[in-house]
């Protein structure tokens, strides 16, 4: 059975910031107690100077107290505990762009997604075949709700949509799970899943190195049966005219120019096709757009506003979700302000008014990278945690298994391969 999955889009999210900034260090180099203290002192002195407004969510006293408390615990901590300690300090800042550039080296052989009805296993290896499409209910003997609460404390986030986006990755990271004392060893994790037959199954899962090449149960390379929005995942932008609906579907995955096809040229092609086919409805899908350069989107808005047929209620839809973040949020806000667009999907992972324009510093002894924000974007008069859809549509595991997309179905009003 071939089945395209959410997993290519999900699995890489934790590392996107790391790779974007060239954070390829596999782990912090060997560091002495004194050197860790130097790194923490450096973080405490330099990050407040460099961040646009580090103390917008916590006070300076709270921030420095956390650093001093971690310094006091250092003699009794293992490396994984130090890592989660650093993550917790940075998460408390309350800025999704201020993070530790930690890069995991191993993970449980699981591909996960948090659906409306639970966190489900979308792929695994033969050894754990009973888990496929089951829902996780416990880890290390602890209820999944308790595990999520512990992981949330080390996730830089401004809303729950961001937490839902990042939890699936962290649930497979045995280093982080052990550092939080959620499991007793980095080399195994007792996972409990309610299988598709309704049985509760617990197995000790062993992590695999990222350099290994496991044989997954489900082949995710074949996109032929996938819903439209999960196709061509390697492209920053593409479009397709949907037959019988006079609709053009525009998938915008990243706010950056594609090599060999600048966005401005793509926009001319897209609207040329829309004009030729006399398209009456446009769907802009930002559900997997994690940002980039918000200015790249300007030519699309210019061309859109030249076409009155798209500037009527019910003729333009914007699809958003937990992975809509950073510059993609700014583009979504532009569409909200300048068009009568109807927004469909989930609350965005990015916050409309947010800190961004990301820079990086390195802790001098461990070499660990830390990202931080140097600009504040205020795009709305009020200050909501997420950009909320006009029509809330949350995916269920049954949608995935049927290979349907209820979000696009809501827009075009039919069940189909789209």
Protein backbone atom coordinates (compact mmCIF):
# COMPACT_ATOMS: atom_id res chain seq x y z
CA UNK A 1 0.00 0.00 0.00
CA UNK A 2 1.27 3.42 -0.94
CA UNK A 3 0.15 6.31 1.18
CA UNK A 4 1.44 9.84 1.18
CA UNK A 5 1.46 11.23 4.70
CA UNK A 6 1.70 14.38 6.73
CA UNK A 7 4.99 13.10 8.01
CA UNK A 8 7.44 14.66 5.59
CA UNK A 9 5.95 18.00 6.51
CA UNK A 10 5.88 17.22 10.21
CA UNK A 11 9.13 15.41 10.81
CA UNK A 12 11.39 18.20 9.64
CA UNK A 13 9.77 21.05 11.52
CA UNK A 14 11.84 20.75 14.68
CA UNK A 15 15.02 21.16 12.65
CA UNK A 16 13.96 23.84 10.18
CA UNK A 17 15.42 26.71 12.19
CA UNK A 18 18.61 24.74 12.79
CA UNK A 19 19.23 24.05 9.13
CA UNK A 20 18.22 27.55 8.04
CA UNK A 21 20.98 29.00 10.18
CA UNK A 22 23.50 26.28 9.44
CA UNK A 23 23.18 24.67 12.87
CA UNK A 24 24.70 21.36 11.94
CA UNK A 25 26.49 20.63 15.22
CA UNK A 26 25.38 17.09 16.14
CA UNK A 27 25.58 17.88 19.86
CA UNK A 28 27.41 20.22 22.21
CA UNK A 29 31.09 19.41 22.41
CA UNK A 30 32.46 18.04 25.68
CA UNK A 31 32.03 20.81 28.20
CA UNK A 32 33.27 21.08 31.78
CA UNK A 33 31.21 22.35 34.68
CA UNK A 34 33.08 25.66 34.64
CA UNK A 35 32.48 26.03 30.91
CA UNK A 36 28.74 25.45 31.30
CA UNK A 37 28.72 28.18 33.93
CA UNK A 38 30.48 30.49 31.47
CA UNK A 39 27.87 29.70 28.82
CA UNK A 40 25.02 30.46 31.18
CA UNK A 41 26.63 33.73 32.27
CA UNK A 42 27.08 34.61 28.60
CA UNK A 43 23.42 33.84 27.88
CA UNK A 44 22.30 35.93 30.85
CA UNK A 45 24.34 38.94 29.80
CA UNK A 46 24.15 38.84 25.98
CA UNK A 47 20.63 37.73 25.14
CA UNK A 48 18.97 40.70 26.91
CA UNK A 49 21.21 43.05 24.92
CA UNK A 50 20.49 41.47 21.56
CA UNK A 51 16.79 40.60 21.76
CA UNK A 52 14.34 43.32 20.77
CA UNK A 53 12.51 43.02 24.10
CA UNK A 54 13.47 39.90 26.00
CA UNK A 55 11.38 40.77 29.03
CA UNK A 56 7.99 41.20 27.39
CA UNK A 57 6.69 37.97 28.93
CA UNK A 58 8.85 37.43 32.03
CA UNK A 59 10.76 39.89 34.18
CA UNK A 60 14.51 40.27 34.13
CA UNK A 61 14.60 38.95 37.70
CA UNK A 62 12.71 35.81 36.66
CA UNK A 63 15.04 35.24 33.71
CA UNK A 64 18.23 35.69 35.72
CA UNK A 65 16.84 33.57 38.58
CA UNK A 66 16.27 30.67 36.19
CA UNK A 67 19.87 30.94 35.00
CA UNK A 68 21.23 31.00 38.56
CA UNK A 69 19.09 28.02 39.54
CA UNK A 70 20.35 26.02 36.58
CA UNK A 71 23.94 26.93 37.45
CA UNK A 72 23.41 25.61 40.99
CA UNK A 73 22.07 22.30 39.68
CA UNK A 74 24.81 21.76 37.09
CA UNK A 75 27.07 19.55 39.26
CA UNK A 76 24.24 17.04 39.60
CA UNK A 77 22.95 17.10 36.02
CA UNK A 78 23.56 14.95 32.96
CA UNK A 79 23.88 16.53 29.52
CA UNK A 80 20.27 15.83 28.53
CA UNK A 81 19.07 17.52 31.73
CA UNK A 82 21.19 20.59 30.96
CA UNK A 83 19.73 20.75 27.45
CA UNK A 84 16.15 20.71 28.68
CA UNK A 85 17.10 23.24 31.34
CA UNK A 86 18.32 25.61 28.64
CA UNK A 87 15.24 24.92 26.54
CA UNK A 88 13.00 25.73 29.47
CA UNK A 89 14.71 29.06 30.09
CA UNK A 90 14.37 30.08 26.44
CA UNK A 91 10.77 28.84 26.25
CA UNK A 92 9.86 31.05 29.21
CA UNK A 93 10.72 34.12 27.11
CA UNK A 94 7.46 33.54 25.23
CA UNK A 95 8.86 34.22 21.75
CA UNK A 96 8.56 31.38 19.24
CA UNK A 97 11.67 32.61 17.45
CA UNK A 98 13.88 32.55 20.55
CA UNK A 99 15.06 28.96 20.73
CA UNK A 100 17.94 26.60 21.39
CA UNK A 101 19.36 25.16 18.17
CA UNK A 102 19.45 21.63 19.49
CA UNK A 103 19.71 18.90 16.87
CA UNK A 104 18.62 15.37 17.88
CA UNK A 105 20.68 12.44 16.67
CA UNK A 106 18.20 9.64 17.31
CA UNK A 107 14.46 9.15 17.59
CA UNK A 108 11.84 6.50 18.05
CA UNK A 109 10.79 5.06 14.66
CA UNK A 110 7.46 6.85 14.66
CA UNK A 111 5.81 9.38 12.42
CA UNK A 112 3.09 11.15 14.37
CA UNK A 113 0.37 13.73 13.92
CA UNK A 114 -1.88 15.36 16.51
CA UNK A 115 -5.41 15.09 15.15
CA UNK A 116 -8.57 16.46 16.71
CA UNK A 117 -9.18 13.03 18.21
CA UNK A 118 -5.66 12.34 19.47
CA UNK A 119 -2.00 11.83 18.60
CA UNK A 120 -1.86 9.04 16.05
CA UNK A 121 0.90 6.86 14.59
CA UNK A 122 1.02 7.40 10.83
CA UNK A 123 4.07 5.27 10.15
CA UNK A 124 6.49 2.98 11.94
CA UNK A 125 8.66 -0.07 11.31
CA UNK A 126 7.64 -3.73 11.08
CA UNK A 127 8.64 -4.40 14.67
CA UNK A 128 5.92 -2.06 15.89
CA UNK A 129 3.28 -2.79 13.24
CA UNK A 130 0.54 -3.10 15.89
CA UNK A 131 0.93 0.63 16.53
CA UNK A 132 0.12 1.72 12.97
CA UNK A 133 -2.79 4.22 12.95
CA UNK A 134 -3.27 3.75 16.68
CA UNK A 135 -3.56 6.59 19.19
CA UNK A 136 -0.93 7.21 21.87
CA UNK A 137 -2.37 7.14 25.38
CA UNK A 138 0.73 6.85 27.60
CA UNK A 139 4.52 7.04 27.60
CA UNK A 140 6.71 5.56 30.33
CA UNK A 141 3.56 4.62 32.23
CA UNK A 142 2.43 8.26 32.39
CA UNK A 143 -0.78 9.49 30.70
CA UNK A 144 -0.16 11.30 27.45
CA UNK A 145 -1.75 14.43 28.91
CA UNK A 146 0.98 14.58 31.58
CA UNK A 147 3.69 14.00 28.97
CA UNK A 148 2.32 16.83 26.83
CA UNK A 149 2.28 19.19 29.83
CA UNK A 150 5.95 18.46 30.59
CA UNK A 151 7.03 18.92 26.97
CA UNK A 152 5.04 22.14 26.63
CA UNK A 153 7.27 23.76 29.26
CA UNK A 154 10.31 23.51 26.97
CA UNK A 155 8.59 24.55 23.71
CA UNK A 156 9.00 28.21 22.70
CA UNK A 157 5.42 29.12 21.86
CA UNK A 158 2.81 31.83 21.97
CA UNK A 159 -0.27 29.67 21.51
CA UNK A 160 -1.51 26.09 21.71
CA UNK A 161 -1.44 25.62 17.95
CA UNK A 162 2.35 25.89 18.10
CA UNK A 163 2.42 23.28 20.86
CA UNK A 164 0.29 20.89 18.79
CA UNK A 165 2.69 21.35 15.92
CA UNK A 166 5.85 20.55 17.89
CA UNK A 167 4.73 17.87 20.33
CA UNK A 168 4.78 14.99 17.78
CA UNK A 169 8.51 15.47 17.17
CA UNK A 170 9.42 15.75 20.83
CA UNK A 171 7.48 12.60 21.64
CA UNK A 172 10.00 10.63 19.57
CA UNK A 173 13.12 12.25 21.06
CA UNK A 174 14.39 9.94 23.81
CA UNK A 175 17.17 12.35 24.81
CA UNK A 176 14.67 15.08 25.64
CA UNK A 177 12.21 12.64 27.19
CA UNK A 178 14.95 11.29 29.45
CA UNK A 179 16.22 14.78 30.29
CA UNK A 180 12.71 15.58 31.55
CA UNK A 181 12.68 12.30 33.54
CA UNK A 182 9.69 11.05 31.56
CA UNK A 183 11.47 7.80 30.70
CA UNK A 184 14.17 5.89 32.61
CA UNK A 185 16.62 5.44 29.72
CA UNK A 186 17.53 7.15 26.47
CA UNK A 187 17.66 3.72 24.85
CA UNK A 188 14.04 2.69 25.29
CA UNK A 189 10.63 4.22 25.76
CA UNK A 190 7.60 2.22 26.93
CA UNK A 191 4.79 3.44 24.67
CA UNK A 192 1.10 2.60 25.07
CA UNK A 193 -1.19 2.82 22.06
CA UNK A 194 -4.88 2.09 21.53
CA UNK A 195 -4.76 0.11 18.30
CA UNK A 196 -7.28 0.30 15.48
CA UNK A 197 -8.91 -2.83 16.92
CA UNK A 198 -9.42 -1.06 20.26
CA UNK A 199 -6.74 -2.94 22.24
CA UNK A 200 -4.28 -1.18 24.54
CA UNK A 201 -0.76 -2.32 23.59
CA UNK A 202 2.44 -1.34 25.42
CA UNK A 203 5.85 -1.97 23.87
CA UNK A 204 9.38 -0.85 24.72
CA UNK A 205 10.44 1.11 21.66
CA UNK A 206 14.11 1.59 20.84
CA UNK A 207 15.36 4.76 19.13
CA UNK A 208 17.15 4.65 15.79
CA UNK A 209 19.99 6.88 14.67
CA UNK A 210 19.05 9.48 12.08
CA UNK A 211 21.87 8.11 9.96
CA UNK A 212 20.10 4.74 9.72
CA UNK A 213 17.66 3.91 6.97
CA UNK A 214 14.72 2.06 8.52
CA UNK A 215 12.19 0.24 6.38
CA UNK A 216 8.93 2.01 7.07
CA UNK A 217 5.67 0.10 6.83
CA UNK A 218 4.11 2.73 4.60
CA UNK A 219 5.76 4.06 1.45
CA UNK A 220 5.37 7.83 1.65
CA UNK A 221 7.05 8.60 -1.67
CA UNK A 222 3.98 7.95 -3.83
CA UNK A 223 1.72 11.02 -3.83
CA UNK A 224 -0.81 9.72 -6.34
CA UNK A 225 -3.51 8.98 -3.76
CA UNK A 226 -2.75 11.98 -1.56
CA UNK A 227 -5.07 14.94 -1.06
CA UNK A 228 -4.06 17.85 -3.24
CA UNK A 229 -2.49 19.89 -0.45
CA UNK A 230 -0.02 17.13 0.42
CA UNK A 231 1.40 16.86 -3.09
CA UNK A 232 4.56 18.48 -4.48
CA UNK A 233 5.82 19.09 -0.96
CA UNK A 234 9.29 20.02 -2.13
CA UNK A 235 8.06 23.07 -4.06
CA UNK A 236 7.81 26.50 -2.43
CA UNK A 237 4.75 27.34 -4.55
CA UNK A 238 2.57 25.80 -7.22
CA UNK A 239 -1.01 25.95 -8.47
CA UNK A 240 -3.63 23.78 -10.08
CA UNK A 241 -6.96 24.62 -11.65
CA UNK A 242 -9.63 22.36 -10.20
CA UNK A 243 -11.90 20.93 -12.89
CA UNK A 244 -15.66 21.46 -12.66
CA UNK A 245 -15.38 24.03 -9.89
CA UNK A 246 -13.94 27.12 -11.65
CA UNK A 247 -11.40 27.26 -8.81
CA UNK A 248 -7.66 27.80 -8.79
CA UNK A 249 -5.78 26.21 -5.91
CA UNK A 250 -2.55 28.03 -4.99
CA UNK A 251 -0.25 26.18 -2.59
CA UNK A 252 2.22 28.55 -0.93
CA UNK A 253 4.65 26.50 1.17
CA UNK A 254 7.51 28.93 1.81
CA UNK A 255 8.06 32.68 1.58
CA UNK A 256 11.14 32.48 -0.60
CA UNK A 257 12.02 32.41 -4.27
CA UNK A 258 12.37 29.08 -5.98
CA UNK A 259 15.58 28.55 -7.95
CA UNK A 260 14.95 29.01 -11.65
CA UNK A 261 11.41 30.34 -11.13
CA UNK A 262 11.21 33.58 -9.14
CA UNK A 263 7.90 34.14 -7.39
CA UNK A 264 7.12 37.21 -9.49
CA UNK A 265 7.30 35.09 -12.68
CA UNK A 266 5.21 32.36 -11.08
CA UNK A 267 2.53 34.93 -10.20
CA UNK A 268 2.26 36.01 -13.87
CA UNK A 269 1.83 32.39 -14.93
CA UNK A 270 -0.77 31.69 -12.24
CA UNK A 271 -2.97 34.67 -13.05
CA UNK A 272 -2.50 34.13 -16.78
CA UNK A 273 -3.96 30.66 -16.35
CA UNK A 274 -6.76 32.00 -14.14
CA UNK A 275 -7.68 34.59 -16.77
CA UNK A 276 -7.58 32.09 -19.61
CA UNK A 277 -9.80 29.57 -17.81
CA UNK A 278 -12.13 32.29 -16.49
CA UNK A 279 -11.64 31.11 -12.93
CA UNK A 280 -14.13 32.57 -10.43
CA UNK A 281 -12.71 31.34 -7.12
CA UNK A 282 -9.20 31.30 -5.71
CA UNK A 283 -7.96 29.21 -2.77
CA UNK A 284 -4.67 30.23 -1.13
CA UNK A 285 -3.26 27.44 1.02
CA UNK A 286 -0.87 28.63 3.74
CA UNK A 287 -1.26 25.59 6.01
CA UNK A 288 2.37 24.49 5.70
CA UNK A 289 4.07 27.84 5.23
CA UNK A 290 6.58 28.43 8.03
CA UNK A 291 7.70 31.84 6.78
CA UNK A 292 10.72 33.43 5.13
CA UNK A 293 10.55 36.86 3.49
CA UNK A 294 7.06 38.35 3.69
CA UNK A 295 7.86 40.92 0.97
CA UNK A 296 8.02 38.26 -1.73
CA UNK A 297 4.22 37.99 -1.61
CA UNK A 298 3.62 41.59 -2.82
CA UNK A 299 3.30 40.80 -6.57
CA UNK A 300 0.56 38.27 -5.83
CA UNK A 301 -1.49 40.83 -3.92
CA UNK A 302 -1.03 43.39 -6.70
CA UNK A 303 -2.30 41.02 -9.38
CA UNK A 304 -5.11 39.73 -7.19
CA UNK A 305 -6.49 43.24 -6.61
CA UNK A 306 -6.61 43.88 -10.36
CA UNK A 307 -9.29 41.18 -10.73
CA UNK A 308 -12.72 42.18 -9.35
CA UNK A 309 -14.04 38.61 -9.61
CA UNK A 310 -11.76 37.64 -6.71
CA UNK A 311 -12.67 40.62 -4.55
CA UNK A 312 -16.16 39.47 -3.71
CA UNK A 313 -17.24 37.53 -0.63
CA UNK A 314 -17.13 33.83 -1.39
CA UNK A 315 -14.59 34.16 -4.22
CA UNK A 316 -11.38 34.05 -2.19
CA UNK A 317 -10.46 31.62 0.56
CA UNK A 318 -7.32 31.39 2.68
CA UNK A 319 -6.45 28.09 4.33
CA UNK A 320 -4.46 28.35 7.57
CA UNK A 321 -3.25 26.03 10.31
CA UNK A 322 -0.77 25.25 13.04
CA UNK A 323 2.21 25.47 10.69
CA UNK A 324 1.26 28.90 9.35
CA UNK A 325 4.00 30.93 10.98
CA UNK A 326 6.16 34.08 10.90
CA UNK A 327 6.15 35.77 7.47
CA UNK A 328 3.25 33.60 6.33
CA UNK A 329 1.22 35.17 9.15
CA UNK A 330 2.04 38.62 7.81
CA UNK A 331 0.91 37.57 4.33
CA UNK A 332 -2.30 36.15 5.79
CA UNK A 333 -2.96 39.44 7.61
CA UNK A 334 -2.43 41.37 4.36
CA UNK A 335 -5.05 39.17 2.71
CA UNK A 336 -7.40 39.72 5.64
CA UNK A 337 -7.01 43.50 5.49
CA UNK A 338 -7.00 43.99 1.73
CA UNK A 339 -9.50 41.39 0.49
CA UNK A 340 -12.83 39.86 1.58
CA UNK A 341 -11.12 36.50 2.08
CA UNK A 342 -12.78 33.81 4.14
CA UNK A 343 -10.30 31.97 6.37
CA UNK A 344 -10.74 28.22 6.81
CA UNK A 345 -8.81 25.64 8.85
CA UNK A 346 -7.16 25.80 12.27
CA UNK A 347 -5.74 28.64 14.39
CA UNK A 348 -2.27 29.60 13.20
CA UNK A 349 0.88 28.51 15.01
CA UNK A 350 2.27 31.98 14.52
CA UNK A 351 0.93 34.93 16.49
CA UNK A 352 -0.22 37.92 14.38
CA UNK A 353 1.66 40.50 16.51
CA UNK A 354 5.00 38.86 17.12
CA UNK A 355 8.73 39.18 17.55
CA UNK A 356 10.81 38.09 14.57
CA UNK A 357 13.62 39.02 12.15
CA UNK A 358 15.73 36.21 13.57
CA UNK A 359 19.42 36.40 14.42
CA UNK A 360 21.73 33.90 16.10
CA UNK A 361 24.42 33.78 18.75
CA UNK A 362 26.52 30.85 19.92
CA UNK A 363 27.23 29.89 23.48
CA UNK A 364 31.03 30.19 23.46
CA UNK A 365 31.99 26.97 25.26
CA UNK A 366 29.40 24.41 24.17
CA UNK A 367 28.96 25.93 20.72
CA UNK A 368 25.18 25.60 21.03
CA UNK A 369 23.31 28.14 18.85
CA UNK A 370 20.55 30.33 20.23
CA UNK A 371 18.16 32.22 17.96
CA UNK A 372 16.51 35.47 18.99
CA UNK A 373 14.33 38.25 17.58
CA UNK A 374 15.41 41.79 16.77
CA UNK A 375 12.11 43.25 15.54
CA UNK A 376 8.50 43.45 16.70
CA UNK A 377 5.74 43.16 14.11
CA UNK A 378 2.45 44.75 15.16
CA UNK A 379 -0.10 44.12 12.44
CA UNK A 380 -3.37 44.07 14.40
CA UNK A 381 -4.77 46.58 16.87
CA UNK A 382 -5.85 43.83 19.23
CA UNK A 383 -3.46 41.08 20.28
CA UNK A 384 -4.89 37.59 19.64
CA UNK A 385 -2.74 34.52 20.29
CA UNK A 386 -3.48 33.15 16.82
CA UNK A 387 -5.06 34.28 13.60
CA UNK A 388 -8.38 32.47 13.91
CA UNK A 389 -10.24 30.92 10.97
CA UNK A 390 -13.73 32.11 10.11
CA UNK A 391 -14.62 28.45 9.63
CA UNK A 392 -12.89 26.02 12.02
CA UNK A 393 -12.08 22.66 10.44
CA UNK A 394 -9.92 20.20 12.38
CA UNK A 395 -8.60 16.99 10.85
CA UNK A 396 -9.48 13.61 12.33
CA UNK A 397 -7.59 10.37 11.89
CA UNK A 398 -10.48 9.10 9.72
CA UNK A 399 -9.86 11.97 7.28
CA UNK A 400 -6.27 10.84 6.94
CA UNK A 401 -7.17 7.20 6.46
CA UNK A 402 -9.73 8.10 3.79
CA UNK A 403 -7.21 10.45 2.14
CA UNK A 404 -9.68 13.33 2.16
CA UNK A 405 -9.20 16.98 3.00
CA UNK A 406 -12.23 18.39 4.85
CA UNK A 407 -10.76 21.89 4.67
CA UNK A 408 -10.77 22.11 0.89
CA UNK A 409 -14.04 20.18 0.77
CA UNK A 410 -15.57 22.91 2.92
CA UNK A 411 -14.46 25.48 0.36
CA UNK A 412 -15.45 23.78 -2.90
CA UNK A 413 -18.42 21.93 -1.43
CA UNK A 414 -17.70 18.42 -2.61
CA UNK A 415 -15.92 15.26 -1.52
CA UNK A 416 -13.21 14.40 -4.01
CA UNK A 417 -9.57 13.67 -4.48
CA UNK A 418 -8.83 17.34 -3.79
